Amino acid sequence: MFSYHLEHLFSFTASLSPPEAIGPIAEGIRANYYVTGGKVKGPKVNGKVLPVGGDWLTIRTDGVGILDVRATIETDDGALIYTAYSGVSDLGKDGYQKVLQQEAPPVIDLHSAPRYYTAHPEYQWLNRVQCVGVGQVDMTKSEVAFDIYAIRPGSG
């Protein structure tokens, strides 16, 4: 077994626009959610989520949601950090049918594998880490929240 630990980098919340419902396609239900803003707070990164980007979500027929997210963070000191991540949410075996019937749960757990990209010298260390994100989307508030952790070698 490999030795590793998780280092909390920051937490964020982002507000989302109402979904752009593409509808059922061959791969499942496609819905696009666009970011309208947000906040970033933590021990390593603080700032805001800019009102660009979004999640190009696919809900498969087995009830698994596949996240496809891109967004930009602007730190309090002016750095721009681009993020891209995939992830999953499990809506249950009947999740696909529930979404079709507009009966999805109001709060859904999310798991992601974000990467971060920046040219700013104070944050270039982000270019070198793989992160994991654990969060939830609250459909009643149109808001997503994540805790972001870097995977670090060693026992911490």
C-alpha atoms as a PDB file:
ATOM      1  CA  MET A   1       0.000   0.000   0.000  1.00  0.00           C
ATOM      2  CA  PHE A   2       1.163   3.494  -0.773  1.00  0.00           C
ATOM      3  CA  SER A   3       1.350   6.046   1.970  1.00  0.00           C
ATOM      4  CA  TYR A   4      -0.494   9.310   1.378  1.00  0.00           C
ATOM      5  CA  HIS A   5      -2.554  11.959   3.134  1.00  0.00           C
ATOM      6  CA  LEU A   6      -5.062  14.591   2.098  1.00  0.00           C
ATOM      7  CA  GLU A   7      -4.281  18.278   2.616  1.00  0.00           C
ATOM      8  CA  HIS A   8      -7.266  20.628   2.723  1.00  0.00           C
ATOM      9  CA  LEU A   9      -6.574  23.470   0.279  1.00  0.00           C
ATOM     10  CA  PHE A  10      -9.875  25.336   0.262  1.00  0.00           C
ATOM     11  CA  SER A  11     -13.635  25.062   0.172  1.00  0.00           C
ATOM     12  CA  PHE A  12     -15.868  26.763  -2.335  1.00  0.00           C
ATOM     13  CA  THR A  13     -19.481  27.466  -3.091  1.00  0.00           C
ATOM     14  CA  ALA A  14     -20.763  28.365  -6.528  1.00  0.00           C
ATOM     15  CA  SER A  15     -24.192  29.514  -7.628  1.00  0.00           C
ATOM     16  CA  LEU A  16     -25.642  27.985 -10.772  1.00  0.00           C
ATOM     17  CA  SER A  17     -28.058  29.177 -13.414  1.00  0.00           C
ATOM     18  CA  PRO A  18     -31.208  27.173 -14.052  1.00  0.00           C
ATOM     19  CA  PRO A  19     -30.313  24.144 -16.174  1.00  0.00           C
ATOM     20  CA  GLU A  20     -30.144  24.300 -19.929  1.00  0.00           C
ATOM     21  CA  ALA A  21     -31.978  21.022 -20.516  1.00  0.00           C
ATOM     22  CA  ILE A  22     -30.795  19.351 -23.687  1.00  0.00           C
ATOM     23  CA  GLY A  23     -32.895  16.343 -22.721  1.00  0.00           C
ATOM     24  CA  PRO A  24     -32.560  12.609 -23.168  1.00  0.00           C
ATOM     25  CA  ILE A  25     -29.856  11.678 -25.667  1.00  0.00           C
ATOM     26  CA  ALA A  26     -28.190   8.345 -26.425  1.00  0.00           C
ATOM     27  CA  GLU A  27     -25.816   8.634 -23.425  1.00  0.00           C
ATOM     28  CA  GLY A  28     -28.516   9.713 -20.943  1.00  0.00           C
ATOM     29  CA  ILE A  29     -29.993  13.043 -19.889  1.00  0.00           C
ATOM     30  CA  ARG A  30     -27.869  16.064 -20.747  1.00  0.00           C
ATOM     31  CA  ALA A  31     -28.255  19.276 -18.739  1.00  0.00           C
ATOM     32  CA  ASN A  32     -25.866  22.221 -18.708  1.00  0.00           C
ATOM     33  CA  TYR A  33     -25.509  24.351 -15.581  1.00  0.00           C
ATOM     34  CA  TYR A  34     -23.612  27.638 -15.873  1.00  0.00           C
ATOM     35  CA  VAL A  35     -21.691  29.228 -12.991  1.00  0.00           C
ATOM     36  CA  THR A  36     -22.987  32.653 -11.953  1.00  0.00           C
ATOM     37  CA  GLY A  37     -20.450  33.324  -9.168  1.00  0.00           C
ATOM     38  CA  GLY A  38     -19.149  31.982  -5.896  1.00  0.00           C
ATOM     39  CA  LYS A  39     -16.689  32.162  -3.010  1.00  0.00           C
ATOM     40  CA  VAL A  40     -13.411  30.371  -2.254  1.00  0.00           C
ATOM     41  CA  LYS A  41     -12.068  30.191   1.296  1.00  0.00           C
ATOM     42  CA  GLY A  42      -9.330  28.099   2.853  1.00  0.00           C
ATOM     43  CA  PRO A  43      -5.831  27.739   4.186  1.00  0.00           C
ATOM     44  CA  LYS A  44      -4.170  27.852   0.718  1.00  0.00           C
ATOM     45  CA  VAL A  45      -6.535  29.723  -1.645  1.00  0.00           C
ATOM     46  CA  ASN A  46      -9.032  32.546  -1.051  1.00  0.00           C
ATOM     47  CA  GLY A  47     -11.040  34.463  -3.593  1.00  0.00           C
ATOM     48  CA  LYS A  48     -14.084  34.113  -5.781  1.00  0.00           C
ATOM     49  CA  VAL A  49     -15.457  31.847  -8.467  1.00  0.00           C
ATOM     50  CA  LEU A  50     -15.945  33.970 -11.561  1.00  0.00           C
ATOM     51  CA  PRO A  51     -19.271  33.956 -13.434  1.00  0.00           C
ATOM     52  CA  VAL A  52     -17.876  31.850 -16.287  1.00  0.00           C
ATOM     53  CA  GLY A  53     -17.818  28.126 -16.916  1.00  0.00           C
ATOM     54  CA  GLY A  54     -20.226  25.450 -15.851  1.00  0.00           C
ATOM     55  CA  ASP A  55     -21.062  21.783 -15.600  1.00  0.00           C
ATOM     56  CA  TRP A  56     -21.984  19.853 -18.735  1.00  0.00           C
ATOM     57  CA  LEU A  57     -23.773  17.117 -16.792  1.00  0.00           C
ATOM     58  CA  THR A  58     -24.862  13.745 -18.129  1.00  0.00           C
ATOM     59  CA  ILE A  59     -27.154  11.506 -16.097  1.00  0.00           C
ATOM     60  CA  ARG A  60     -26.724   7.964 -17.347  1.00  0.00           C
ATOM     61  CA  THR A  61     -29.594   5.483 -17.573  1.00  0.00           C
ATOM     62  CA  ASP A  62     -28.150   3.645 -14.522  1.00  0.00           C
ATOM     63  CA  GLY A  63     -28.717   6.749 -12.365  1.00  0.00           C
ATOM     64  CA  VAL A  64     -25.087   7.871 -12.199  1.00  0.00           C
ATOM     65  CA  GLY A  65     -24.416  11.540 -12.925  1.00  0.00           C
ATOM     66  CA  ILE A  66     -21.145  12.325 -14.710  1.00  0.00           C
ATOM     67  CA  LEU A  67     -19.770  15.786 -13.973  1.00  0.00           C
ATOM     68  CA  ASP A  68     -17.821  17.685 -16.633  1.00  0.00           C
ATOM     69  CA  VAL A  69     -16.867  21.019 -15.051  1.00  0.00           C
ATOM     70  CA  ARG A  70     -14.744  23.990 -16.060  1.00  0.00           C
ATOM     71  CA  ALA A  71     -14.466  27.226 -14.090  1.00  0.00           C
ATOM     72  CA  THR A  72     -12.111  30.059 -13.146  1.00  0.00           C
ATOM     73  CA  ILE A  73     -11.108  31.249  -9.686  1.00  0.00           C
ATOM     74  CA  GLU A  74      -9.798  34.754  -9.058  1.00  0.00           C
ATOM     75  CA  THR A  75      -7.786  34.906  -5.831  1.00  0.00           C
ATOM     76  CA  ASP A  76      -7.914  37.828  -3.430  1.00  0.00           C
ATOM     77  CA  ASP A  77      -4.457  38.854  -4.691  1.00  0.00           C
ATOM     78  CA  GLY A  78      -5.514  38.834  -8.352  1.00  0.00           C
ATOM     79  CA  ALA A  79      -4.320  35.431  -9.620  1.00  0.00           C
ATOM     80  CA  LEU A  80      -6.458  33.574 -12.132  1.00  0.00           C
ATOM     81  CA  ILE A  81      -6.717  29.806 -11.643  1.00  0.00           C
ATOM     82  CA  TYR A  82      -8.482  27.612 -14.180  1.00  0.00           C
ATOM     83  CA  THR A  83     -10.033  24.353 -13.026  1.00  0.00           C
ATOM     84  CA  ALA A  84     -11.345  21.363 -14.906  1.00  0.00           C
ATOM     85  CA  TYR A  85     -12.736  18.246 -13.347  1.00  0.00           C
ATOM     86  CA  SER A  86     -14.824  15.197 -13.828  1.00  0.00           C
ATOM     87  CA  GLY A  87     -16.718  13.457 -11.121  1.00  0.00           C
ATOM     88  CA  VAL A  88     -19.687  11.330 -10.196  1.00  0.00           C
ATOM     89  CA  SER A  89     -22.924  11.538  -8.300  1.00  0.00           C
ATOM     90  CA  ASP A  90     -25.077   8.527  -7.603  1.00  0.00           C
ATOM     91  CA  LEU A  91     -28.787   9.268  -7.870  1.00  0.00           C
ATOM     92  CA  GLY A  92     -29.720   5.640  -7.240  1.00  0.00           C
ATOM     93  CA  LYS A  93     -30.845   2.904  -9.613  1.00  0.00           C
ATOM     94  CA  ASP A  94     -34.059   4.816 -10.382  1.00  0.00           C
ATOM     95  CA  GLY A  95     -32.297   8.206 -10.596  1.00  0.00           C
ATOM     96  CA  TYR A  96     -32.604   8.490 -14.362  1.00  0.00           C
ATOM     97  CA  GLN A  97     -36.366   7.946 -14.248  1.00  0.00           C
ATOM     98  CA  LYS A  98     -36.746  10.321 -11.296  1.00  0.00           C
ATOM     99  CA  VAL A  99     -34.921  13.077 -13.180  1.00  0.00           C
ATOM    100  CA  LEU A 100     -37.136  12.502 -16.223  1.00  0.00           C
ATOM    101  CA  GLN A 101     -40.161  12.885 -13.927  1.00  0.00           C
ATOM    102  CA  GLN A 102     -38.568  15.973 -12.288  1.00  0.00           C
ATOM    103  CA  GLU A 103     -38.353  14.146  -8.936  1.00  0.00           C
ATOM    104  CA  ALA A 104     -34.597  14.290  -8.327  1.00  0.00           C
ATOM    105  CA  PRO A 105     -33.525  14.616  -4.683  1.00  0.00           C
ATOM    106  CA  PRO A 106     -33.063  18.230  -3.532  1.00  0.00           C
ATOM    107  CA  VAL A 107     -29.512  17.559  -2.258  1.00  0.00           C
ATOM    108  CA  ILE A 108     -27.085  15.292  -4.134  1.00  0.00           C
ATOM    109  CA  ASP A 109     -23.608  14.151  -3.008  1.00  0.00           C
ATOM    110  CA  LEU A 110     -20.749  14.830  -5.447  1.00  0.00           C
ATOM    111  CA  HIS A 111     -17.214  13.416  -5.785  1.00  0.00           C
ATOM    112  CA  SER A 112     -14.645  14.908  -8.157  1.00  0.00           C
ATOM    113  CA  ALA A 113     -11.030  14.824  -9.289  1.00  0.00           C
ATOM    114  CA  PRO A 114     -10.129  18.471 -10.003  1.00  0.00           C
ATOM    115  CA  ARG A 115      -6.936  19.802 -11.548  1.00  0.00           C
ATOM    116  CA  TYR A 116      -5.848  23.428 -11.350  1.00  0.00           C
ATOM    117  CA  TYR A 117      -3.847  25.485 -13.835  1.00  0.00           C
ATOM    118  CA  THR A 118      -2.266  28.910 -13.395  1.00  0.00           C
ATOM    119  CA  ALA A 119       0.672  31.024 -14.550  1.00  0.00           C
ATOM    120  CA  HIS A 120       0.737  33.110 -11.347  1.00  0.00           C
ATOM    121  CA  PRO A 121       4.025  32.476  -9.495  1.00  0.00           C
ATOM    122  CA  GLU A 122       2.401  32.292  -6.044  1.00  0.00           C
ATOM    123  CA  TYR A 123       0.071  29.471  -7.106  1.00  0.00           C
ATOM    124  CA  GLN A 124       2.101  27.459  -9.625  1.00  0.00           C
ATOM    125  CA  TRP A 125       2.360  24.666  -7.044  1.00  0.00           C
ATOM    126  CA  LEU A 126      -1.301  23.929  -7.951  1.00  0.00           C
ATOM    127  CA  ASN A 127      -0.135  22.860 -11.432  1.00  0.00           C
ATOM    128  CA  ARG A 128       1.711  19.955  -9.755  1.00  0.00           C
ATOM    129  CA  VAL A 129      -1.003  18.395  -7.571  1.00  0.00           C
ATOM    130  CA  GLN A 130      -3.909  16.066  -8.097  1.00  0.00           C
ATOM    131  CA  CYS A 131      -6.881  16.969  -5.977  1.00  0.00           C
ATOM    132  CA  VAL A 132     -10.059  15.312  -4.832  1.00  0.00           C
ATOM    133  CA  GLY A 133     -13.272  17.122  -4.120  1.00  0.00           C
ATOM    134  CA  VAL A 134     -16.101  16.072  -1.840  1.00  0.00           C
ATOM    135  CA  GLY A 135     -19.283  18.074  -1.999  1.00  0.00           C
ATOM    136  CA  GLN A 136     -22.980  18.472  -2.576  1.00  0.00           C
ATOM    137  CA  VAL A 137     -25.321  20.289  -4.866  1.00  0.00           C
ATOM    138  CA  ASP A 138     -28.415  21.831  -3.316  1.00  0.00           C
ATOM    139  CA  MET A 139     -30.945  21.968  -6.133  1.00  0.00           C
ATOM    140  CA  THR A 140     -33.351  24.120  -4.071  1.00  0.00           C
ATOM    141  CA  LYS A 141     -30.688  26.861  -3.801  1.00  0.00           C
ATOM    142  CA  SER A 142     -29.022  26.206  -7.201  1.00  0.00           C
ATOM    143  CA  GLU A 143     -25.727  26.027  -5.314  1.00  0.00           C
ATOM    144  CA  VAL A 144     -22.817  23.613  -5.294  1.00  0.00           C
ATOM    145  CA  ALA A 145     -20.286  23.341  -2.450  1.00  0.00           C
ATOM    146  CA  PHE A 146     -17.003  21.416  -2.329  1.00  0.00           C
ATOM    147  CA  ASP A 147     -14.100  20.801   0.009  1.00  0.00           C
ATOM    148  CA  ILE A 148     -10.920  20.446  -2.065  1.00  0.00           C
ATOM    149  CA  TYR A 149      -7.960  18.331  -0.931  1.00  0.00           C
ATOM    150  CA  ALA A 150      -4.529  17.742  -2.469  1.00  0.00           C
ATOM    151  CA  ILE A 151      -3.272  14.168  -2.433  1.00  0.00           C
ATOM    152  CA  ARG A 152       0.174  14.279  -0.806  1.00  0.00           C
ATOM    153  CA  PRO A 153       2.757  11.511  -0.409  1.00  0.00           C
ATOM    154  CA  GLY A 154       3.588  10.242   3.071  1.00  0.00           C
ATOM    155  CA  SER A 155       1.506   9.871   6.169  1.00  0.00           C
ATOM    156  CA  GLY A 156       1.082  13.560   6.824  1.00  0.00           C
END
